Amino acid sequence: MSEPKLKAKLFVHAAIRRCGLAAMPVVVARKGDEDAGTVLVKVNRGDGTADIYTQARDAEGRLGWLRSTGPQPVEDARAEAVISRARDIDYDLWVLEVDSRDGTVPFIERVIGG
C-alpha cells in the first residue's frame, strides 16, 4: 500500500515555508497543476552546477526523491535540459529552484537509491 500524496499546491507551499525557516532562497520557476502536478526540484549549488530531484515511489510504494541527474552535481546547462525535457512530457509539472551550496534541502529527506 502506498502512502497518500499531498496535493501539489499544498506541498509546494509547505516546501517554500520550510526553506524560509531555514533562510534558504527558493523560487517557483514553473507552476503546474494545483492538484495532481509532479514536483521537480533544481538545487542550485552557486558554482554553475546543480542537482535535479523528482518525486518518486520506491518498490514498497513509499514516497521519496530520485536524483534525476545522477550522484554528482551537473553543469547548469545540463540541469536545464533535464527540466526542459520533463516539461515537454508533463504539462502539470511544478519546478522549484532552491539555492544551496552544500546541496541540502530541508524538504528532501528521503532520497531513493542514494
C-alpha atoms as a PDB file:
ATOM      1  CA  MET A   1       0.000   0.000   0.000  1.00  0.00           C
ATOM      2  CA  SER A   2       1.464   3.362  -0.965  1.00  0.00           C
ATOM      3  CA  GLU A   3       1.440   6.468   1.207  1.00  0.00           C
ATOM      4  CA  PRO A   4      -1.038   9.202   0.332  1.00  0.00           C
ATOM      5  CA  LYS A   5       0.390  12.152  -1.571  1.00  0.00           C
ATOM      6  CA  LEU A   6      -0.344  15.802  -0.788  1.00  0.00           C
ATOM      7  CA  LYS A   7      -1.886  17.942  -3.481  1.00  0.00           C
ATOM      8  CA  ALA A   8       0.908  19.638  -5.405  1.00  0.00           C
ATOM      9  CA  LYS A   9      -0.005  23.201  -4.433  1.00  0.00           C
ATOM     10  CA  LEU A  10      -0.094  22.323  -0.723  1.00  0.00           C
ATOM     11  CA  PHE A  11       3.246  20.510  -0.969  1.00  0.00           C
ATOM     12  CA  VAL A  12       4.842  23.491  -2.754  1.00  0.00           C
ATOM     13  CA  HIS A  13       3.596  25.936  -0.117  1.00  0.00           C
ATOM     14  CA  ALA A  14       4.953  23.696   2.655  1.00  0.00           C
ATOM     15  CA  ALA A  15       8.308  23.357   0.864  1.00  0.00           C
ATOM     16  CA  ILE A  16       8.583  27.139   0.486  1.00  0.00           C
ATOM     17  CA  ARG A  17       7.791  27.563   4.176  1.00  0.00           C
ATOM     18  CA  ARG A  18      10.456  25.038   5.222  1.00  0.00           C
ATOM     19  CA  CYS A  19      13.040  26.787   3.046  1.00  0.00           C
ATOM     20  CA  GLY A  20      12.031  30.125   4.546  1.00  0.00           C
ATOM     21  CA  LEU A  21      12.505  28.784   8.065  1.00  0.00           C
ATOM     22  CA  ALA A  22      15.997  27.647   7.040  1.00  0.00           C
ATOM     23  CA  ALA A  23      16.724  31.059   5.431  1.00  0.00           C
ATOM     24  CA  MET A  24      17.193  29.280   2.112  1.00  0.00           C
ATOM     25  CA  PRO A  25      16.179  31.070  -1.117  1.00  0.00           C
ATOM     26  CA  VAL A  26      13.506  29.251  -3.133  1.00  0.00           C
ATOM     27  CA  VAL A  27      11.549  30.231  -6.248  1.00  0.00           C
ATOM     28  CA  VAL A  28       8.616  28.632  -8.039  1.00  0.00           C
ATOM     29  CA  ALA A  29      10.134  28.594 -11.522  1.00  0.00           C
ATOM     30  CA  ARG A  30       7.086  26.914 -13.060  1.00  0.00           C
ATOM     31  CA  LYS A  31       3.600  26.450 -11.703  1.00  0.00           C
ATOM     32  CA  GLY A  32       1.884  23.193 -12.571  1.00  0.00           C
ATOM     33  CA  ASP A  33      -1.478  21.632 -11.841  1.00  0.00           C
ATOM     34  CA  GLU A  34      -2.586  22.538  -8.315  1.00  0.00           C
ATOM     35  CA  ASP A  35      -3.969  19.095  -7.538  1.00  0.00           C
ATOM     36  CA  ALA A  36      -2.069  16.459  -9.480  1.00  0.00           C
ATOM     37  CA  GLY A  37       1.143  18.107 -10.637  1.00  0.00           C
ATOM     38  CA  THR A  38       4.509  16.458 -10.109  1.00  0.00           C
ATOM     39  CA  VAL A  39       7.202  18.468  -8.325  1.00  0.00           C
ATOM     40  CA  LEU A  40      10.737  18.737  -9.697  1.00  0.00           C
ATOM     41  CA  VAL A  41      13.415  20.497  -7.625  1.00  0.00           C
ATOM     42  CA  LYS A  42      16.512  22.167  -9.032  1.00  0.00           C
ATOM     43  CA  VAL A  43      19.179  22.693  -6.377  1.00  0.00           C
ATOM     44  CA  ASN A  44      21.497  25.493  -7.479  1.00  0.00           C
ATOM     45  CA  ARG A  45      24.938  24.995  -5.934  1.00  0.00           C
ATOM     46  CA  GLY A  46      26.189  28.537  -6.623  1.00  0.00           C
ATOM     47  CA  ASP A  47      29.177  27.376  -8.650  1.00  0.00           C
ATOM     48  CA  GLY A  48      27.471  26.790 -12.002  1.00  0.00           C
ATOM     49  CA  THR A  49      26.329  23.279 -11.078  1.00  0.00           C
ATOM     50  CA  ALA A  50      23.007  21.871  -9.919  1.00  0.00           C
ATOM     51  CA  ASP A  51      21.175  18.732  -8.842  1.00  0.00           C
ATOM     52  CA  ILE A  52      17.688  17.797 -10.049  1.00  0.00           C
ATOM     53  CA  TYR A  53      15.309  15.824  -7.835  1.00  0.00           C
ATOM     54  CA  THR A  54      11.990  14.325  -8.880  1.00  0.00           C
ATOM     55  CA  GLN A  55       9.305  12.870  -6.641  1.00  0.00           C
ATOM     56  CA  ALA A  56       9.151   9.096  -6.970  1.00  0.00           C
ATOM     57  CA  ARG A  57       7.993   5.982  -5.151  1.00  0.00           C
ATOM     58  CA  ASP A  58      10.206   3.085  -4.163  1.00  0.00           C
ATOM     59  CA  ALA A  59       9.363  -0.605  -4.630  1.00  0.00           C
ATOM     60  CA  GLU A  60       7.253  -0.576  -1.452  1.00  0.00           C
ATOM     61  CA  GLY A  61       5.282   2.469  -2.622  1.00  0.00           C
ATOM     62  CA  ARG A  62       6.901   4.943  -0.191  1.00  0.00           C
ATOM     63  CA  LEU A  63       7.291   8.483  -1.472  1.00  0.00           C
ATOM     64  CA  GLY A  64      10.814   9.868  -1.794  1.00  0.00           C
ATOM     65  CA  TRP A  65      13.084  11.739  -4.162  1.00  0.00           C
ATOM     66  CA  LEU A  66      15.091  10.453  -7.106  1.00  0.00           C
ATOM     67  CA  ARG A  67      18.216  12.330  -8.175  1.00  0.00           C
ATOM     68  CA  SER A  68      17.484  12.720 -11.880  1.00  0.00           C
ATOM     69  CA  THR A  69      20.958  13.978 -12.771  1.00  0.00           C
ATOM     70  CA  GLY A  70      22.945  11.203 -11.116  1.00  0.00           C
ATOM     71  CA  PRO A  71      25.082  11.110  -7.970  1.00  0.00           C
ATOM     72  CA  GLN A  72      27.166  14.209  -8.723  1.00  0.00           C
ATOM     73  CA  PRO A  73      26.087  17.790  -9.497  1.00  0.00           C
ATOM     74  CA  VAL A  74      25.933  18.599 -13.213  1.00  0.00           C
ATOM     75  CA  GLU A  75      26.582  21.773 -15.194  1.00  0.00           C
ATOM     76  CA  ASP A  76      23.655  24.180 -15.090  1.00  0.00           C
ATOM     77  CA  ALA A  77      23.009  23.834 -18.834  1.00  0.00           C
ATOM     78  CA  ARG A  78      22.584  20.068 -18.450  1.00  0.00           C
ATOM     79  CA  ALA A  79      20.242  20.578 -15.485  1.00  0.00           C
ATOM     80  CA  GLU A  80      18.138  22.996 -17.553  1.00  0.00           C
ATOM     81  CA  ALA A  81      17.984  20.430 -20.375  1.00  0.00           C
ATOM     82  CA  VAL A  82      16.620  17.835 -17.927  1.00  0.00           C
ATOM     83  CA  ILE A  83      13.961  20.322 -16.781  1.00  0.00           C
ATOM     84  CA  SER A  84      13.057  21.191 -20.377  1.00  0.00           C
ATOM     85  CA  ARG A  85      12.589  17.518 -21.305  1.00  0.00           C
ATOM     86  CA  ALA A  86      10.471  16.937 -18.201  1.00  0.00           C
ATOM     87  CA  ARG A  87       8.253  19.931 -19.065  1.00  0.00           C
ATOM     88  CA  ASP A  88       7.791  18.608 -22.605  1.00  0.00           C
ATOM     89  CA  ILE A  89       6.497  15.321 -21.178  1.00  0.00           C
ATOM     90  CA  ASP A  90       4.484  16.608 -18.203  1.00  0.00           C
ATOM     91  CA  TYR A  91       2.489  19.806 -18.636  1.00  0.00           C
ATOM     92  CA  ASP A  92       1.353  19.619 -14.991  1.00  0.00           C
ATOM     93  CA  LEU A  93       4.937  19.857 -13.715  1.00  0.00           C
ATOM     94  CA  TRP A  94       5.938  22.244 -10.917  1.00  0.00           C
ATOM     95  CA  VAL A  95       9.581  23.379 -10.823  1.00  0.00           C
ATOM     96  CA  LEU A  96      11.100  24.705  -7.601  1.00  0.00           C
ATOM     97  CA  GLU A  97      14.579  26.241  -7.631  1.00  0.00           C
ATOM     98  CA  VAL A  98      16.453  26.213  -4.337  1.00  0.00           C
ATOM     99  CA  ASP A  99      19.850  27.807  -3.670  1.00  0.00           C
ATOM    100  CA  SER A 100      22.024  25.535  -1.531  1.00  0.00           C
ATOM    101  CA  ARG A 101      25.810  25.497  -1.738  1.00  0.00           C
ATOM    102  CA  ASP A 102      26.066  22.153   0.072  1.00  0.00           C
ATOM    103  CA  GLY A 103      23.142  20.599  -1.815  1.00  0.00           C
ATOM    104  CA  THR A 104      20.909  20.033   1.196  1.00  0.00           C
ATOM    105  CA  VAL A 105      17.252  20.979   1.001  1.00  0.00           C
ATOM    106  CA  PRO A 106      15.032  20.975   4.107  1.00  0.00           C
ATOM    107  CA  PHE A 107      12.144  19.084   2.493  1.00  0.00           C
ATOM    108  CA  ILE A 108      14.200  16.456   0.643  1.00  0.00           C
ATOM    109  CA  GLU A 109      14.574  13.963   3.433  1.00  0.00           C
ATOM    110  CA  ARG A 110      14.480  10.614   1.683  1.00  0.00           C
ATOM    111  CA  VAL A 111      16.494  10.004  -1.470  1.00  0.00           C
ATOM    112  CA  ILE A 112      15.683   6.774  -3.281  1.00  0.00           C
ATOM    113  CA  GLY A 113      18.781   4.862  -4.262  1.00  0.00           C
ATOM    114  CA  GLY A 114      21.030   7.404  -2.638  1.00  0.00           C
END
